[in-house]
Amino acid sequence: MDRLGIKDLVGQFLAFSRKQVLEYKLFDINALVADFKSLIRRTIWKDIAIRIINSDDTLPVMADITQLHQVNMNLCTNAADAMPHGGELKITTDELLLNVEADKSTFDLSSGKFVTLTVSDTGIGMDEQTVGKIFEPFFTTKGKEGTGLGLSTAYGIIKQHGGTIMVDSDPGKGTTFDIYLPAVD
């Protein structure tokens, strides 16, 4: 493993263990997605269409931009890997007023305003058993090519930001990851 690979691996371990010091700044999630589009276009296959739908009404979030880029990159790379014969990668942003008591939801969040970042694909999808393990450290569906740290790191980063990440997937129908981050009024 080269020096850069080791640095990335150590960074993932630190983020996963939640001991890495983050640099929180106020920013617009739509700007993150706009900046990210050109990077992801250069990274994934040309036969994957990228569609971005930004809400006009999102509030800012307090977050470490570098860490959220890492989360987005992990999700988009996994989505591309799940579409070996092409498909569509969709990234959307929105705002949500969550009333946990009224919604009787399964969210592990308190009530309040949240900004959502959703990454979905039209790929191969996952069965329920796989979905139940994807955030576990070192669990991978990629065999020797995967470290099993991407989604566990993403989970740790989002939790460290006071948010949550949820997944919905069905074999043959694709996967959707929904990230919820506390909005700043």
C-alpha atoms as a PDB file:
ATOM      1  CA  MET A   1       0.000   0.000   0.000  1.00  0.00           C
ATOM      2  CA  ASP A   2       1.455   3.390  -0.939  1.00  0.00           C
ATOM      3  CA  ARG A   3       1.791   6.361   1.384  1.00  0.00           C
ATOM      4  CA  LEU A   4      -1.418   8.033   0.171  1.00  0.00           C
ATOM      5  CA  GLY A   5      -3.367   4.795   0.624  1.00  0.00           C
ATOM      6  CA  ILE A   6      -2.127   4.473   4.201  1.00  0.00           C
ATOM      7  CA  LYS A   7      -3.038   8.115   4.903  1.00  0.00           C
ATOM      8  CA  ASP A   8      -6.576   7.545   3.600  1.00  0.00           C
ATOM      9  CA  LEU A   9      -6.928   4.351   5.622  1.00  0.00           C
ATOM     10  CA  VAL A  10      -5.752   6.052   8.820  1.00  0.00           C
ATOM     11  CA  GLY A  11      -8.153   8.941   8.124  1.00  0.00           C
ATOM     12  CA  GLN A  12     -11.016   6.488   7.772  1.00  0.00           C
ATOM     13  CA  PHE A  13     -10.103   4.768  11.030  1.00  0.00           C
ATOM     14  CA  LEU A  14      -9.966   8.110  12.824  1.00  0.00           C
ATOM     15  CA  ALA A  15     -13.306   9.226  11.452  1.00  0.00           C
ATOM     16  CA  PHE A  16     -14.818   5.873  12.297  1.00  0.00           C
ATOM     17  CA  SER A  17     -13.565   6.021  15.857  1.00  0.00           C
ATOM     18  CA  ARG A  18     -14.922   9.599  16.074  1.00  0.00           C
ATOM     19  CA  LYS A  19     -11.653  10.946  17.437  1.00  0.00           C
ATOM     20  CA  GLN A  20     -10.782  13.041  14.437  1.00  0.00           C
ATOM     21  CA  VAL A  21     -11.155  16.781  15.017  1.00  0.00           C
ATOM     22  CA  LEU A  22     -13.600  18.192  12.515  1.00  0.00           C
ATOM     23  CA  GLU A  23     -13.665  21.743  11.175  1.00  0.00           C
ATOM     24  CA  TYR A  24     -17.305  22.761  11.333  1.00  0.00           C
ATOM     25  CA  LYS A  25     -18.414  25.619   9.111  1.00  0.00           C
ATOM     26  CA  LEU A  26     -21.804  26.938   8.091  1.00  0.00           C
ATOM     27  CA  PHE A  27     -22.567  26.101   4.450  1.00  0.00           C
ATOM     28  CA  ASP A  28     -25.289  25.323   1.939  1.00  0.00           C
ATOM     29  CA  ILE A  29     -25.649  21.626   1.095  1.00  0.00           C
ATOM     30  CA  ASN A  30     -26.584  22.598  -2.475  1.00  0.00           C
ATOM     31  CA  ALA A  31     -23.113  24.136  -2.906  1.00  0.00           C
ATOM     32  CA  LEU A  32     -21.543  20.874  -1.739  1.00  0.00           C
ATOM     33  CA  VAL A  33     -23.499  18.916  -4.336  1.00  0.00           C
ATOM     34  CA  ALA A  34     -22.710  21.422  -7.104  1.00  0.00           C
ATOM     35  CA  ASP A  35     -18.980  21.265  -6.329  1.00  0.00           C
ATOM     36  CA  PHE A  36     -19.143  17.499  -6.170  1.00  0.00           C
ATOM     37  CA  LYS A  37     -20.804  16.931  -9.558  1.00  0.00           C
ATOM     38  CA  SER A  38     -17.699  17.531 -11.684  1.00  0.00           C
ATOM     39  CA  LEU A  39     -15.570  15.344  -9.389  1.00  0.00           C
ATOM     40  CA  ILE A  40     -17.980  12.427  -9.485  1.00  0.00           C
ATOM     41  CA  ARG A  41     -18.381  12.747 -13.272  1.00  0.00           C
ATOM     42  CA  ARG A  42     -14.626  12.218 -13.660  1.00  0.00           C
ATOM     43  CA  THR A  43     -14.707   9.274 -11.253  1.00  0.00           C
ATOM     44  CA  ILE A  44     -17.571   7.077 -12.461  1.00  0.00           C
ATOM     45  CA  TRP A  45     -18.238   5.404 -15.786  1.00  0.00           C
ATOM     46  CA  LYS A  46     -19.648   7.407 -18.680  1.00  0.00           C
ATOM     47  CA  ASP A  47     -22.601   5.030 -19.113  1.00  0.00           C
ATOM     48  CA  ILE A  48     -24.003   6.187 -15.771  1.00  0.00           C
ATOM     49  CA  ALA A  49     -26.225   9.235 -16.015  1.00  0.00           C
ATOM     50  CA  ILE A  50     -25.948  11.716 -13.165  1.00  0.00           C
ATOM     51  CA  ARG A  51     -29.048  13.658 -12.180  1.00  0.00           C
ATOM     52  CA  ILE A  52     -28.958  16.321  -9.497  1.00  0.00           C
ATOM     53  CA  ILE A  53     -32.086  17.835  -7.996  1.00  0.00           C
ATOM     54  CA  ASN A  54     -31.437  20.617  -5.502  1.00  0.00           C
ATOM     55  CA  SER A  55     -34.209  22.053  -3.399  1.00  0.00           C
ATOM     56  CA  ASP A  56     -34.472  25.834  -3.503  1.00  0.00           C
ATOM     57  CA  ASP A  57     -35.482  25.953   0.153  1.00  0.00           C
ATOM     58  CA  THR A  58     -32.693  24.230   2.069  1.00  0.00           C
ATOM     59  CA  LEU A  59     -31.352  25.814   5.219  1.00  0.00           C
ATOM     60  CA  PRO A  60     -27.615  25.801   5.884  1.00  0.00           C
ATOM     61  CA  VAL A  61     -25.914  23.101   7.969  1.00  0.00           C
ATOM     62  CA  MET A  62     -22.950  23.243  10.331  1.00  0.00           C
ATOM     63  CA  ALA A  63     -20.543  20.606   9.059  1.00  0.00           C
ATOM     64  CA  ASP A  64     -17.031  19.643   8.044  1.00  0.00           C
ATOM     65  CA  ILE A  65     -17.174  19.977   4.260  1.00  0.00           C
ATOM     66  CA  THR A  66     -14.255  17.614   3.660  1.00  0.00           C
ATOM     67  CA  GLN A  67     -15.912  14.874   5.670  1.00  0.00           C
ATOM     68  CA  LEU A  68     -19.238  15.310   3.867  1.00  0.00           C
ATOM     69  CA  HIS A  69     -17.405  15.117   0.535  1.00  0.00           C
ATOM     70  CA  GLN A  70     -15.947  11.802   1.722  1.00  0.00           C
ATOM     71  CA  VAL A  71     -19.408  10.503   2.627  1.00  0.00           C
ATOM     72  CA  ASN A  72     -20.806  11.582  -0.736  1.00  0.00           C
ATOM     73  CA  MET A  73     -17.842  10.024  -2.574  1.00  0.00           C
ATOM     74  CA  ASN A  74     -18.299   6.716  -0.731  1.00  0.00           C
ATOM     75  CA  LEU A  75     -22.005   6.616  -1.549  1.00  0.00           C
ATOM     76  CA  CYS A  76     -21.538   7.584  -5.203  1.00  0.00           C
ATOM     77  CA  THR A  77     -18.665   5.158  -5.747  1.00  0.00           C
ATOM     78  CA  ASN A  78     -20.684   2.324  -4.251  1.00  0.00           C
ATOM     79  CA  ALA A  79     -23.638   3.312  -6.416  1.00  0.00           C
ATOM     80  CA  ALA A  80     -21.450   3.219  -9.536  1.00  0.00           C
ATOM     81  CA  ASP A  81     -20.107  -0.214  -8.554  1.00  0.00           C
ATOM     82  CA  ALA A  82     -23.717  -1.422  -8.246  1.00  0.00           C
ATOM     83  CA  MET A  83     -24.389  -0.379 -11.871  1.00  0.00           C
ATOM     84  CA  PRO A  84     -21.759  -2.277 -13.901  1.00  0.00           C
ATOM     85  CA  HIS A  85     -23.871  -2.001 -17.067  1.00  0.00           C
ATOM     86  CA  GLY A  86     -24.913   1.619 -16.618  1.00  0.00           C
ATOM     87  CA  GLY A  87     -27.863   3.283 -15.004  1.00  0.00           C
ATOM     88  CA  GLU A  88     -28.739   6.477 -13.201  1.00  0.00           C
ATOM     89  CA  LEU A  89     -27.172   8.057 -10.141  1.00  0.00           C
ATOM     90  CA  LYS A  90     -29.451  10.638  -8.559  1.00  0.00           C
ATOM     91  CA  ILE A  91     -28.421  13.109  -5.868  1.00  0.00           C
ATOM     92  CA  THR A  92     -31.118  15.255  -4.279  1.00  0.00           C
ATOM     93  CA  THR A  93     -31.281  17.789  -1.476  1.00  0.00           C
ATOM     94  CA  ASP A  94     -34.280  18.900   0.508  1.00  0.00           C
ATOM     95  CA  GLU A  95     -35.425  20.250   3.842  1.00  0.00           C
ATOM     96  CA  LEU A  96     -37.519  18.323   6.334  1.00  0.00           C
ATOM     97  CA  LEU A  97     -39.363  19.316   9.489  1.00  0.00           C
ATOM     98  CA  LEU A  98     -39.289  16.185  11.617  1.00  0.00           C
ATOM     99  CA  ASN A  99     -41.769  15.695  14.437  1.00  0.00           C
ATOM    100  CA  VAL A 100     -40.678  12.371  15.888  1.00  0.00           C
ATOM    101  CA  GLU A 101     -43.642  12.085  18.262  1.00  0.00           C
ATOM    102  CA  ALA A 102     -46.257  12.784  15.578  1.00  0.00           C
ATOM    103  CA  ASP A 103     -44.512  10.760  12.869  1.00  0.00           C
ATOM    104  CA  LYS A 104     -43.959   7.779  15.179  1.00  0.00           C
ATOM    105  CA  SER A 105     -40.919   7.225  13.026  1.00  0.00           C
ATOM    106  CA  THR A 106     -37.931   4.987  13.450  1.00  0.00           C
ATOM    107  CA  PHE A 107     -35.551   7.925  13.240  1.00  0.00           C
ATOM    108  CA  ASP A 108     -32.884   8.068  15.902  1.00  0.00           C
ATOM    109  CA  LEU A 109     -33.162  11.849  15.854  1.00  0.00           C
ATOM    110  CA  SER A 110     -35.000  14.407  17.900  1.00  0.00           C
ATOM    111  CA  SER A 111     -37.666  16.633  16.392  1.00  0.00           C
ATOM    112  CA  GLY A 112     -36.510  19.643  14.417  1.00  0.00           C
ATOM    113  CA  LYS A 113     -35.474  20.929  11.004  1.00  0.00           C
ATOM    114  CA  PHE A 114     -33.154  18.809   8.908  1.00  0.00           C
ATOM    115  CA  VAL A 115     -31.469  19.067   5.557  1.00  0.00           C
ATOM    116  CA  THR A 116     -31.545  15.841   3.575  1.00  0.00           C
ATOM    117  CA  LEU A 117     -29.029  14.568   1.065  1.00  0.00           C
ATOM    118  CA  THR A 118     -30.242  11.548  -0.875  1.00  0.00           C
ATOM    119  CA  VAL A 119     -28.077   9.370  -3.120  1.00  0.00           C
ATOM    120  CA  SER A 120     -29.925   6.743  -5.136  1.00  0.00           C
ATOM    121  CA  ASP A 121     -29.025   4.377  -7.938  1.00  0.00           C
ATOM    122  CA  THR A 122     -30.748   2.037 -10.367  1.00  0.00           C
ATOM    123  CA  GLY A 123     -28.253  -0.741  -9.655  1.00  0.00           C
ATOM    124  CA  ILE A 124     -28.417  -4.324  -8.507  1.00  0.00           C
ATOM    125  CA  GLY A 125     -29.727  -3.514  -5.034  1.00  0.00           C
ATOM    126  CA  MET A 126     -29.237  -5.505  -1.850  1.00  0.00           C
ATOM    127  CA  ASP A 127     -31.249  -8.051   0.056  1.00  0.00           C
ATOM    128  CA  GLU A 128     -32.465  -7.407   3.606  1.00  0.00           C
ATOM    129  CA  GLN A 129     -29.662  -9.434   5.200  1.00  0.00           C
ATOM    130  CA  THR A 130     -26.975  -7.410   3.404  1.00  0.00           C
ATOM    131  CA  VAL A 131     -28.665  -4.102   4.252  1.00  0.00           C
ATOM    132  CA  GLY A 132     -28.594  -5.138   7.907  1.00  0.00           C
ATOM    133  CA  LYS A 133     -24.789  -5.381   7.824  1.00  0.00           C
ATOM    134  CA  ILE A 134     -23.611  -2.589   5.527  1.00  0.00           C
ATOM    135  CA  PHE A 135     -22.668  -0.131   8.261  1.00  0.00           C
ATOM    136  CA  GLU A 136     -20.612  -2.722  10.166  1.00  0.00           C
ATOM    137  CA  PRO A 137     -16.847  -2.139  10.039  1.00  0.00           C
ATOM    138  CA  PHE A 138     -15.043  -4.466   7.611  1.00  0.00           C
ATOM    139  CA  PHE A 139     -18.255  -5.825   6.063  1.00  0.00           C
ATOM    140  CA  THR A 140     -17.926  -5.723   2.296  1.00  0.00           C
ATOM    141  CA  THR A 141     -19.770  -7.102  -0.695  1.00  0.00           C
ATOM    142  CA  LYS A 142     -16.747  -6.454  -2.939  1.00  0.00           C
ATOM    143  CA  GLY A 143     -14.598  -9.397  -1.894  1.00  0.00           C
ATOM    144  CA  LYS A 144     -10.867  -8.664  -1.858  1.00  0.00           C
ATOM    145  CA  GLU A 145     -11.427  -5.345  -3.634  1.00  0.00           C
ATOM    146  CA  GLY A 146     -13.249  -3.793  -0.667  1.00  0.00           C
ATOM    147  CA  THR A 147     -12.057  -2.797   2.792  1.00  0.00           C
ATOM    148  CA  GLY A 148     -15.478  -2.664   4.400  1.00  0.00           C
ATOM    149  CA  LEU A 149     -14.716   0.794   5.758  1.00  0.00           C
ATOM    150  CA  GLY A 150     -16.546   3.098   3.328  1.00  0.00           C
ATOM    151  CA  LEU A 151     -20.077   2.860   4.690  1.00  0.00           C
ATOM    152  CA  SER A 152     -19.037   2.380   8.312  1.00  0.00           C
ATOM    153  CA  THR A 153     -16.924   5.529   7.989  1.00  0.00           C
ATOM    154  CA  ALA A 154     -19.827   7.391   6.352  1.00  0.00           C
ATOM    155  CA  TYR A 155     -22.106   6.297   9.195  1.00  0.00           C
ATOM    156  CA  GLY A 156     -19.610   7.508  11.812  1.00  0.00           C
ATOM    157  CA  ILE A 157     -19.173  10.878  10.100  1.00  0.00           C
ATOM    158  CA  ILE A 158     -22.907  11.524   9.836  1.00  0.00           C
ATOM    159  CA  LYS A 159     -23.460  10.505  13.466  1.00  0.00           C
ATOM    160  CA  GLN A 160     -20.635  12.824  14.540  1.00  0.00           C
ATOM    161  CA  HIS A 161     -22.513  15.635  12.760  1.00  0.00           C
ATOM    162  CA  GLY A 162     -25.643  14.929  14.825  1.00  0.00           C
ATOM    163  CA  GLY A 163     -27.456  13.320  11.918  1.00  0.00           C
ATOM    164  CA  THR A 164     -28.385   9.881  10.710  1.00  0.00           C
ATOM    165  CA  ILE A 165     -28.166   7.847   7.539  1.00  0.00           C
ATOM    166  CA  MET A 166     -30.814   5.401   6.393  1.00  0.00           C
ATOM    167  CA  VAL A 167     -30.870   2.933   3.523  1.00  0.00           C
ATOM    168  CA  ASP A 168     -33.604   1.380   1.423  1.00  0.00           C
ATOM    169  CA  SER A 169     -32.774  -1.292  -1.131  1.00  0.00           C
ATOM    170  CA  ASP A 170     -34.337  -4.168  -3.030  1.00  0.00           C
ATOM    171  CA  PRO A 171     -32.542  -6.683  -5.237  1.00  0.00           C
ATOM    172  CA  GLY A 172     -32.809  -5.641  -8.859  1.00  0.00           C
ATOM    173  CA  LYS A 173     -34.357  -2.267  -7.998  1.00  0.00           C
ATOM    174  CA  GLY A 174     -31.457  -0.172  -6.750  1.00  0.00           C
ATOM    175  CA  THR A 175     -30.515   1.477  -3.487  1.00  0.00           C
ATOM    176  CA  THR A 176     -31.279   4.794  -1.805  1.00  0.00           C
ATOM    177  CA  PHE A 177     -29.298   6.367   1.013  1.00  0.00           C
ATOM    178  CA  ASP A 178     -30.943   9.227   2.903  1.00  0.00           C
ATOM    179  CA  ILE A 179     -28.739  11.450   5.049  1.00  0.00           C
ATOM    180  CA  TYR A 180     -30.354  13.738   7.609  1.00  0.00           C
ATOM    181  CA  LEU A 181     -28.301  16.643   8.996  1.00  0.00           C
ATOM    182  CA  PRO A 182     -29.531  19.201  11.529  1.00  0.00           C
ATOM    183  CA  ALA A 183     -30.403  22.482   9.801  1.00  0.00           C
ATOM    184  CA  VAL A 184     -29.306  25.853  11.148  1.00  0.00           C
ATOM    185  CA  ASP A 185     -32.043  28.512  11.232  1.00  0.00           C
END
